[in-house]
PDB file of N, CA and C in Angstrom:
ATOM      1  N   UNK A   1      95.491  94.696 126.775  1.00  0.00           N
ATOM      2  CA  UNK A   1      95.011  94.551 125.378  1.00  0.00           C
ATOM      3  C   UNK A   1      95.258  95.840 123.793  1.00  0.00           C
ATOM      4  N   UNK A   2      94.874  96.802 124.294  1.00  0.00           N
ATOM      5  CA  UNK A   2      96.285  97.607 123.321  1.00  0.00           C
ATOM      6  C   UNK A   2      97.789  97.042 122.935  1.00  0.00           C
ATOM      7  N   UNK A   3      97.789  96.609 124.678  1.00  0.00           N
ATOM      8  CA  UNK A   3      99.499  96.170 124.352  1.00  0.00           C
ATOM      9  C   UNK A   3      99.664  95.316 123.111  1.00  0.00           C
ATOM     10  N   UNK A   4      98.634  94.217 123.177  1.00  0.00           N
ATOM     11  CA  UNK A   4      98.813  93.103 122.656  1.00  0.00           C
ATOM     12  C   UNK A   4      98.944  93.416 120.913  1.00  0.00           C
ATOM     13  N   UNK A   5      97.471  94.465 121.336  1.00  0.00           N
ATOM     14  CA  UNK A   5      97.484  94.695 119.564  1.00  0.00           C
ATOM     15  C   UNK A   5      98.325  95.065 118.704  1.00  0.00           C
ATOM     16  N   UNK A   6      99.515  96.082 119.498  1.00  0.00           N
ATOM     17  CA  UNK A   6     100.584  96.902 119.271  1.00  0.00           C
ATOM     18  C   UNK A   6     102.058  95.536 118.583  1.00  0.00           C
ATOM     19  N   UNK A   7     102.218  94.625 119.768  1.00  0.00           N
ATOM     20  CA  UNK A   7     102.736  94.410 120.001  1.00  0.00           C
ATOM     21  C   UNK A   7     102.361  93.306 118.840  1.00  0.00           C
ATOM     22  N   UNK A   8     101.273  92.555 118.341  1.00  0.00           N
ATOM     23  CA  UNK A   8     101.462  92.197 116.989  1.00  0.00           C
ATOM     24  C   UNK A   8     101.945  93.201 116.112  1.00  0.00           C
ATOM     25  N   UNK A   9     101.144  93.716 116.014  1.00  0.00           N
ATOM     26  CA  UNK A   9     102.105  95.180 114.404  1.00  0.00           C
ATOM     27  C   UNK A   9     103.149  95.248 113.992  1.00  0.00           C
ATOM     28  N   UNK A  10     103.826  95.542 115.645  1.00  0.00           N
ATOM     29  CA  UNK A  10     105.114  95.429 115.986  1.00  0.00           C
ATOM     30  C   UNK A  10     106.137  93.815 115.197  1.00  0.00           C
ATOM     31  N   UNK A  11     105.393  92.897 115.867  1.00  0.00           N
ATOM     32  CA  UNK A  11     105.886  91.433 114.958  1.00  0.00           C
ATOM     33  C   UNK A  11     106.380  91.729 113.578  1.00  0.00           C
ATOM     34  N   UNK A  12     104.750  91.891 113.371  1.00  0.00           N
ATOM     35  CA  UNK A  12     104.700  92.053 112.140  1.00  0.00           C
ATOM     36  C   UNK A  12     105.767  92.576 111.176  1.00  0.00           C
ATOM     37  N   UNK A  13     106.213  93.613 111.372  1.00  0.00           N
ATOM     38  CA  UNK A  13     106.944  94.255 110.535  1.00  0.00           C
ATOM     39  C   UNK A  13     106.912  95.235 109.904  1.00  0.00           C
ATOM     40  N   UNK A  14     105.520  95.973 109.770  1.00  0.00           N
ATOM     41  CA  UNK A  14     105.510  97.107 108.960  1.00  0.00           C
ATOM     42  C   UNK A  14     104.593  98.226 109.480  1.00  0.00           C
ATOM     43  N   UNK A  15     105.850  98.848 109.368  1.00  0.00           N
ATOM     44  CA  UNK A  15     105.480 100.640 110.252  1.00  0.00           C
ATOM     45  C   UNK A  15     103.956 100.527 110.184  1.00  0.00           C
ATOM     46  N   UNK A  16     103.814 100.927 108.542  1.00  0.00           N
ATOM     47  CA  UNK A  16     102.472 101.387 108.312  1.00  0.00           C
ATOM     48  C   UNK A  16     101.596 100.627 108.707  1.00  0.00           C
ATOM     49  N   UNK A  17     101.326  99.528 109.149  1.00  0.00           N
ATOM     50  CA  UNK A  17     100.434  98.685 109.976  1.00  0.00           C
ATOM     51  C   UNK A  17     100.816  99.177 111.252  1.00  0.00           C
ATOM     52  N   UNK A  18     101.693  98.994 111.836  1.00  0.00           N
ATOM     53  CA  UNK A  18     101.779 100.041 113.513  1.00  0.00           C
ATOM     54  C   UNK A  18     101.537 101.069 113.366  1.00  0.00           C
ATOM     55  N   UNK A  19     101.172 102.027 112.593  1.00  0.00           N
ATOM     56  CA  UNK A  19     101.054 104.165 112.932  1.00  0.00           C
ATOM     57  C   UNK A  19      99.501 104.035 112.766  1.00  0.00           C
ATOM     58  N   UNK A  20      99.023 102.345 111.625  1.00  0.00           N
ATOM     59  CA  UNK A  20      97.900 102.383 111.702  1.00  0.00           C
ATOM     60  C   UNK A  20      97.357 101.634 113.409  1.00  0.00           C
ATOM     61  N   UNK A  21      98.245 100.724 113.663  1.00  0.00           N
ATOM     62  CA  UNK A  21      97.258 100.274 114.803  1.00  0.00           C
ATOM     63  C   UNK A  21      97.102 101.013 116.030  1.00  0.00           C
ATOM     64  N   UNK A  22      98.596 101.843 116.351  1.00  0.00           N
ATOM     65  CA  UNK A  22      98.788 103.543 116.413  1.00  0.00           C
ATOM     66  C   UNK A  22      97.566 104.357 117.091  1.00  0.00           C
ATOM     67  N   UNK A  23      97.267 104.788 115.778  1.00  0.00           N
ATOM     68  CA  UNK A  23      96.339 105.405 115.397  1.00  0.00           C
ATOM     69  C   UNK A  23      94.329 104.630 116.010  1.00  0.00           C
ATOM     70  N   UNK A  24      94.407 103.226 116.013  1.00  0.00           N
ATOM     71  CA  UNK A  24      93.247 102.390 116.116  1.00  0.00           C
ATOM     72  C   UNK A  24      93.335 102.817 117.838  1.00  0.00           C
ATOM     73  N   UNK A  25      94.624 102.347 118.399  1.00  0.00           N
ATOM     74  CA  UNK A  25      94.689 102.527 120.125  1.00  0.00           C
ATOM     75  C   UNK A  25      94.354 103.677 120.492  1.00  0.00           C
ATOM     76  N   UNK A  26      94.844 105.414 120.024  1.00  0.00           N
ATOM     77  CA  UNK A  26      94.505 106.222 119.665  1.00  0.00           C
ATOM     78  C   UNK A  26      93.091 106.563 119.596  1.00  0.00           C
ATOM     79  N   UNK A  27      92.143 106.149 118.816  1.00  0.00           N
ATOM     80  CA  UNK A  27      90.828 106.898 118.587  1.00  0.00           C
ATOM     81  C   UNK A  27      89.900 105.825 119.818  1.00  0.00           C
ATOM     82  N   UNK A  28      90.366 104.644 120.319  1.00  0.00           N
ATOM     83  CA  UNK A  28      89.897 104.141 121.123  1.00  0.00           C
ATOM     84  C   UNK A  28      89.959 104.882 122.129  1.00  0.00           C
ATOM     85  N   UNK A  29      90.893 106.093 123.117  1.00  0.00           N
ATOM     86  CA  UNK A  29      91.025 106.370 124.121  1.00  0.00           C
ATOM     87  C   UNK A  29      90.948 107.650 124.101  1.00  0.00           C
ATOM     88  N   UNK A  30      90.086 108.456 123.039  1.00  0.00           N
ATOM     89  CA  UNK A  30      89.051 109.496 123.003  1.00  0.00           C
ATOM     90  C   UNK A  30      89.192 110.807 121.677  1.00  0.00           C
ATOM     91  N   UNK A  31      90.727 109.718 120.956  1.00  0.00           N
ATOM     92  CA  UNK A  31      90.664 110.599 119.890  1.00  0.00           C
ATOM     93  C   UNK A  31      92.417 110.526 119.680  1.00  0.00           C
ATOM     94  N   UNK A  32      92.717 110.779 118.391  1.00  0.00           N
ATOM     95  CA  UNK A  32      93.939 111.244 118.404  1.00  0.00           C
ATOM     96  C   UNK A  32      94.193 112.759 118.406  1.00  0.00           C
ATOM     97  N   UNK A  33      93.584 113.494 118.677  1.00  0.00           N
ATOM     98  CA  UNK A  33      93.869 115.649 119.348  1.00  0.00           C
ATOM     99  C   UNK A  33      93.412 115.111 120.975  1.00  0.00           C
ATOM    100  N   UNK A  34      93.466 113.732 121.691  1.00  0.00           N
ATOM    101  CA  UNK A  34      92.813 113.311 123.507  1.00  0.00           C
ATOM    102  C   UNK A  34      94.867 113.005 123.413  1.00  0.00           C
ATOM    103  N   UNK A  35      95.052 112.365 122.339  1.00  0.00           N
ATOM    104  CA  UNK A  35      96.177 111.687 122.026  1.00  0.00           C
ATOM    105  C   UNK A  35      97.733 112.844 122.459  1.00  0.00           C
ATOM    106  N   UNK A  36      96.852 113.125 121.301  1.00  0.00           N
ATOM    107  CA  UNK A  36      97.874 114.963 121.072  1.00  0.00           C
ATOM    108  C   UNK A  36      98.497 115.270 122.066  1.00  0.00           C
ATOM    109  N   UNK A  37      97.027 115.936 122.775  1.00  0.00           N
ATOM    110  CA  UNK A  37      97.105 116.534 124.047  1.00  0.00           C
ATOM    111  C   UNK A  37      98.416 115.653 125.367  1.00  0.00           C
ATOM    112  N   UNK A  38      98.169 114.340 125.556  1.00  0.00           N
ATOM    113  CA  UNK A  38      98.218 113.972 126.753  1.00  0.00           C
ATOM    114  C   UNK A  38     100.033 113.829 126.084  1.00  0.00           C
ATOM    115  N   UNK A  39     100.184 113.373 124.963  1.00  0.00           N
ATOM    116  CA  UNK A  39     102.110 113.327 124.536  1.00  0.00           C
ATOM    117  C   UNK A  39     102.821 114.923 124.700  1.00  0.00           C
ATOM    118  N   UNK A  40     101.482 115.845 124.356  1.00  0.00           N
ATOM    119  CA  UNK A  40     102.116 117.639 124.285  1.00  0.00           C
ATOM    120  C   UNK A  40     103.171 117.285 123.310  1.00  0.00           C
ATOM    121  N   UNK A  41     102.381 116.805 122.473  1.00  0.00           N
ATOM    122  CA  UNK A  41     103.034 117.066 120.739  1.00  0.00           C
ATOM    123  C   UNK A  41     101.054 117.594 120.421  1.00  0.00           C
ATOM    124  N   UNK A  42     101.716 118.294 119.318  1.00  0.00           N
ATOM    125  CA  UNK A  42     100.740 119.069 118.227  1.00  0.00           C
ATOM    126  C   UNK A  42      99.320 118.253 117.848  1.00  0.00           C
ATOM    127  N   UNK A  43      99.020 118.369 117.673  1.00  0.00           N
ATOM    128  CA  UNK A  43      97.766 118.073 116.936  1.00  0.00           C
ATOM    129  C   UNK A  43      98.194 117.640 115.155  1.00  0.00           C
ATOM    130  N   UNK A  44      98.620 118.363 115.023  1.00  0.00           N
ATOM    131  CA  UNK A  44      98.196 118.654 112.883  1.00  0.00           C
ATOM    132  C   UNK A  44      99.712 117.534 113.237  1.00  0.00           C
ATOM    133  N   UNK A  45     101.121 116.723 114.195  1.00  0.00           N
ATOM    134  CA  UNK A  45     102.072 116.241 113.198  1.00  0.00           C
ATOM    135  C   UNK A  45     101.338 115.341 114.074  1.00  0.00           C
ATOM    136  N   UNK A  46     100.313 114.718 114.802  1.00  0.00           N
ATOM    137  CA  UNK A  46     100.281 113.824 116.103  1.00  0.00           C
ATOM    138  C   UNK A  46      98.902 112.789 114.818  1.00  0.00           C
ATOM    139  N   UNK A  47      98.594 113.881 114.275  1.00  0.00           N
ATOM    140  CA  UNK A  47      97.934 112.746 112.886  1.00  0.00           C
ATOM    141  C   UNK A  47      98.883 112.554 111.716  1.00  0.00           C
ATOM    142  N   UNK A  48      99.673 112.886 111.619  1.00  0.00           N
ATOM    143  CA  UNK A  48     100.851 113.235 110.365  1.00  0.00           C
ATOM    144  C   UNK A  48     101.543 111.479 110.707  1.00  0.00           C
ATOM    145  N   UNK A  49     101.723 111.447 111.571  1.00  0.00           N
ATOM    146  CA  UNK A  49     102.491 110.233 112.472  1.00  0.00           C
ATOM    147  C   UNK A  49     101.535 109.196 112.410  1.00  0.00           C
ATOM    148  N   UNK A  50     100.500 109.299 113.014  1.00  0.00           N
ATOM    149  CA  UNK A  50      99.341 108.082 112.957  1.00  0.00           C
ATOM    150  C   UNK A  50      98.901 108.084 111.776  1.00  0.00           C
ATOM    151  N   UNK A  51      99.471 108.215 110.668  1.00  0.00           N
ATOM    152  CA  UNK A  51      99.136 107.829 108.876  1.00  0.00           C
ATOM    153  C   UNK A  51      99.947 106.626 109.142  1.00  0.00           C
ATOM    154  N   UNK A  52      99.436 106.015 107.436  1.00  0.00           N
ATOM    155  CA  UNK A  52     100.241 104.856 106.882  1.00  0.00           C
ATOM    156  C   UNK A  52     101.960 105.149 106.920  1.00  0.00           C
ATOM    157  N   UNK A  53     102.066 106.632 105.852  1.00  0.00           N
ATOM    158  CA  UNK A  53     102.923 106.198 105.355  1.00  0.00           C
ATOM    159  C   UNK A  53     103.919 107.537 107.259  1.00  0.00           C
ATOM    160  N   UNK A  54     103.324 108.103 108.114  1.00  0.00           N
ATOM    161  CA  UNK A  54     104.272 108.251 109.439  1.00  0.00           C
ATOM    162  C   UNK A  54     105.432 107.210 109.765  1.00  0.00           C
ATOM    163  N   UNK A  55     106.322 108.309 110.162  1.00  0.00           N
ATOM    164  CA  UNK A  55     107.593 108.364 110.383  1.00  0.00           C
ATOM    165  C   UNK A  55     108.193 108.758 111.781  1.00  0.00           C
ATOM    166  N   UNK A  56     107.796 108.903 112.742  1.00  0.00           N
ATOM    167  CA  UNK A  56     108.031 109.289 113.076  1.00  0.00           C
ATOM    168  C   UNK A  56     109.476 108.996 113.776  1.00  0.00           C
ATOM    169  N   UNK A  57     109.803 110.321 114.760  1.00  0.00           N
ATOM    170  CA  UNK A  57     110.998 109.793 115.344  1.00  0.00           C
ATOM    171  C   UNK A  57     111.276 109.360 116.909  1.00  0.00           C
ATOM    172  N   UNK A  58     111.970 108.672 117.260  1.00  0.00           N
ATOM    173  CA  UNK A  58     111.796 108.170 118.695  1.00  0.00           C
ATOM    174  C   UNK A  58     111.100 108.580 119.651  1.00  0.00           C
ATOM    175  N   UNK A  59     111.622 110.121 119.917  1.00  0.00           N
ATOM    176  CA  UNK A  59     111.280 110.784 120.934  1.00  0.00           C
ATOM    177  C   UNK A  59     109.707 110.698 120.596  1.00  0.00           C
ATOM    178  N   UNK A  60     109.618 110.982 119.618  1.00  0.00           N
ATOM    179  CA  UNK A  60     107.810 111.625 119.062  1.00  0.00           C
ATOM    180  C   UNK A  60     106.980 109.799 119.700  1.00  0.00           C
ATOM    181  N   UNK A  61     107.267 108.823 118.926  1.00  0.00           N
ATOM    182  CA  UNK A  61     107.058 107.364 119.209  1.00  0.00           C
ATOM    183  C   UNK A  61     106.467 107.386 120.888  1.00  0.00           C
ATOM    184  N   UNK A  62     107.580 107.254 121.013  1.00  0.00           N
ATOM    185  CA  UNK A  62     107.591 107.644 122.546  1.00  0.00           C
ATOM    186  C   UNK A  62     106.873 108.222 123.241  1.00  0.00           C
ATOM    187  N   UNK A  63     107.004 109.138 123.304  1.00  0.00           N
ATOM    188  CA  UNK A  63     105.646 110.360 123.606  1.00  0.00           C
ATOM    189  C   UNK A  63     104.426 109.786 123.127  1.00  0.00           C
ATOM    190  N   UNK A  64     103.851 109.539 122.166  1.00  0.00           N
ATOM    191  CA  UNK A  64     103.059 108.835 121.920  1.00  0.00           C
ATOM    192  C   UNK A  64     102.564 107.611 122.341  1.00  0.00           C
ATOM    193  N   UNK A  65     104.008 107.017 123.072  1.00  0.00           N
ATOM    194  CA  UNK A  65     102.700 105.327 123.816  1.00  0.00           C
ATOM    195  C   UNK A  65     102.322 105.782 125.174  1.00  0.00           C
ATOM    196  N   UNK A  66     103.517 106.904 125.330  1.00  0.00           N
ATOM    197  CA  UNK A  66     102.690 107.046 127.241  1.00  0.00           C
ATOM    198  C   UNK A  66     101.437 107.841 126.762  1.00  0.00           C
ATOM    199  N   UNK A  67     101.514 108.593 125.732  1.00  0.00           N
ATOM    200  CA  UNK A  67      99.972 109.261 125.783  1.00  0.00           C
ATOM    201  C   UNK A  67      98.980 108.059 126.344  1.00  0.00           C
ATOM    202  N   UNK A  68      99.619 107.203 125.262  1.00  0.00           N
ATOM    203  CA  UNK A  68      97.990 105.863 125.180  1.00  0.00           C
ATOM    204  C   UNK A  68      98.288 105.105 126.199  1.00  0.00           C
ATOM    205  N   UNK A  69      98.787 105.804 127.518  1.00  0.00           N
ATOM    206  CA  UNK A  69      99.807 104.611 128.832  1.00  0.00           C
ATOM    207  C   UNK A  69     100.408 102.906 129.113  1.00  0.00           C
ATOM    208  N   UNK A  70     101.090 103.554 127.080  1.00  0.00           N
ATOM    209  CA  UNK A  70     101.878 102.530 127.275  1.00  0.00           C
ATOM    210  C   UNK A  70     103.534 103.449 127.285  1.00  0.00           C
ATOM    211  N   UNK A  71     104.628 101.408 126.929  1.00  0.00           N
ATOM    212  CA  UNK A  71     106.166 101.898 126.761  1.00  0.00           C
ATOM    213  C   UNK A  71     106.603 100.965 126.455  1.00  0.00           C
ATOM    214  N   UNK A  72     107.701 101.662 125.008  1.00  0.00           N
ATOM    215  CA  UNK A  72     108.514 100.475 124.363  1.00  0.00           C
ATOM    216  C   UNK A  72     109.878 100.035 125.285  1.00  0.00           C
ATOM    217  N   UNK A  73     109.572  98.722 124.893  1.00  0.00           N
ATOM    218  CA  UNK A  73     110.388  97.546 125.653  1.00  0.00           C
ATOM    219  C   UNK A  73     111.197  96.721 125.160  1.00  0.00           C
ATOM    220  N   UNK A  74     112.615  96.043 125.269  1.00  0.00           N
ATOM    221  CA  UNK A  74     113.140  95.411 124.289  1.00  0.00           C
ATOM    222  C   UNK A  74     113.095  94.521 125.317  1.00  0.00           C
ATOM    223  N   UNK A  75     113.334  93.362 124.744  1.00  0.00           N
ATOM    224  CA  UNK A  75     113.371  91.712 125.421  1.00  0.00           C
ATOM    225  C   UNK A  75     114.020  90.840 124.305  1.00  0.00           C
ATOM    226  N   UNK A  76     114.474  89.916 124.858  1.00  0.00           N
ATOM    227  CA  UNK A  76     115.717  88.627 123.801  1.00  0.00           C
ATOM    228  C   UNK A  76     114.925  88.413 122.975  1.00  0.00           C
ATOM    229  N   UNK A  77     115.144  88.084 121.494  1.00  0.00           N
ATOM    230  CA  UNK A  77     114.591  87.278 121.556  1.00  0.00           C
ATOM    231  C   UNK A  77     114.602  85.344 121.791  1.00  0.00           C
ATOM    232  N   UNK A  78     113.284  85.403 120.990  1.00  0.00           N
ATOM    233  CA  UNK A  78     113.414  83.584 121.683  1.00  0.00           C
ATOM    234  C   UNK A  78     114.578  82.908 121.011  1.00  0.00           C
ATOM    235  N   UNK A  79     114.534  81.806 122.155  1.00  0.00           N
ATOM    236  CA  UNK A  79     116.266  81.633 122.001  1.00  0.00           C
ATOM    237  C   UNK A  79     115.911  80.272 120.430  1.00  0.00           C
ATOM    238  N   UNK A  80     117.126  80.091 119.265  1.00  0.00           N
ATOM    239  CA  UNK A  80     116.022  79.113 118.547  1.00  0.00           C
ATOM    240  C   UNK A  80     117.522  77.867 118.813  1.00  0.00           C
ATOM    241  N   UNK A  81     117.303  76.926 118.027  1.00  0.00           N
ATOM    242  CA  UNK A  81     117.473  75.684 118.284  1.00  0.00           C
ATOM    243  C   UNK A  81     119.347  75.533 117.833  1.00  0.00           C
ATOM    244  N   UNK A  82     120.509  75.429 118.559  1.00  0.00           N
ATOM    245  CA  UNK A  82     121.566  75.076 117.750  1.00  0.00           C
ATOM    246  C   UNK A  82     121.546  74.505 116.645  1.00  0.00           C
ATOM    247  N   UNK A  83     122.343  73.963 115.636  1.00  0.00           N
ATOM    248  CA  UNK A  83     122.511  72.986 115.293  1.00  0.00           C
ATOM    249  C   UNK A  83     123.988  72.711 115.559  1.00  0.00           C
ATOM    250  N   UNK A  84     124.025  71.099 115.451  1.00  0.00           N
ATOM    251  CA  UNK A  84     125.051  70.005 116.564  1.00  0.00           C
ATOM    252  C   UNK A  84     126.734  70.602 115.554  1.00  0.00           C
ATOM    253  N   UNK A  85     127.562  70.717 115.318  1.00  0.00           N
ATOM    254  CA  UNK A  85     128.530  70.690 114.756  1.00  0.00           C
ATOM    255  C   UNK A  85     129.084  69.056 113.703  1.00  0.00           C
TER     256      UNK A  85
END
């Protein structure tokens, strides 16, 4: 469920919304401090990252996801219908 929620936030394209969605996931899994502990990040830095203005580096973002039991993955975009020449 958390993965689908975060995926929808990613598809929306709003980084602030994604950070807030990740914060909601963290709160549902014991709180931001608990996710920070599991992610091996400081509580203060994690609160900053999980704000609407949060802009974590990729390593911090992936650590947060791992702390929530998730991971980042890449997949091909849905194919688009090709126009005939």
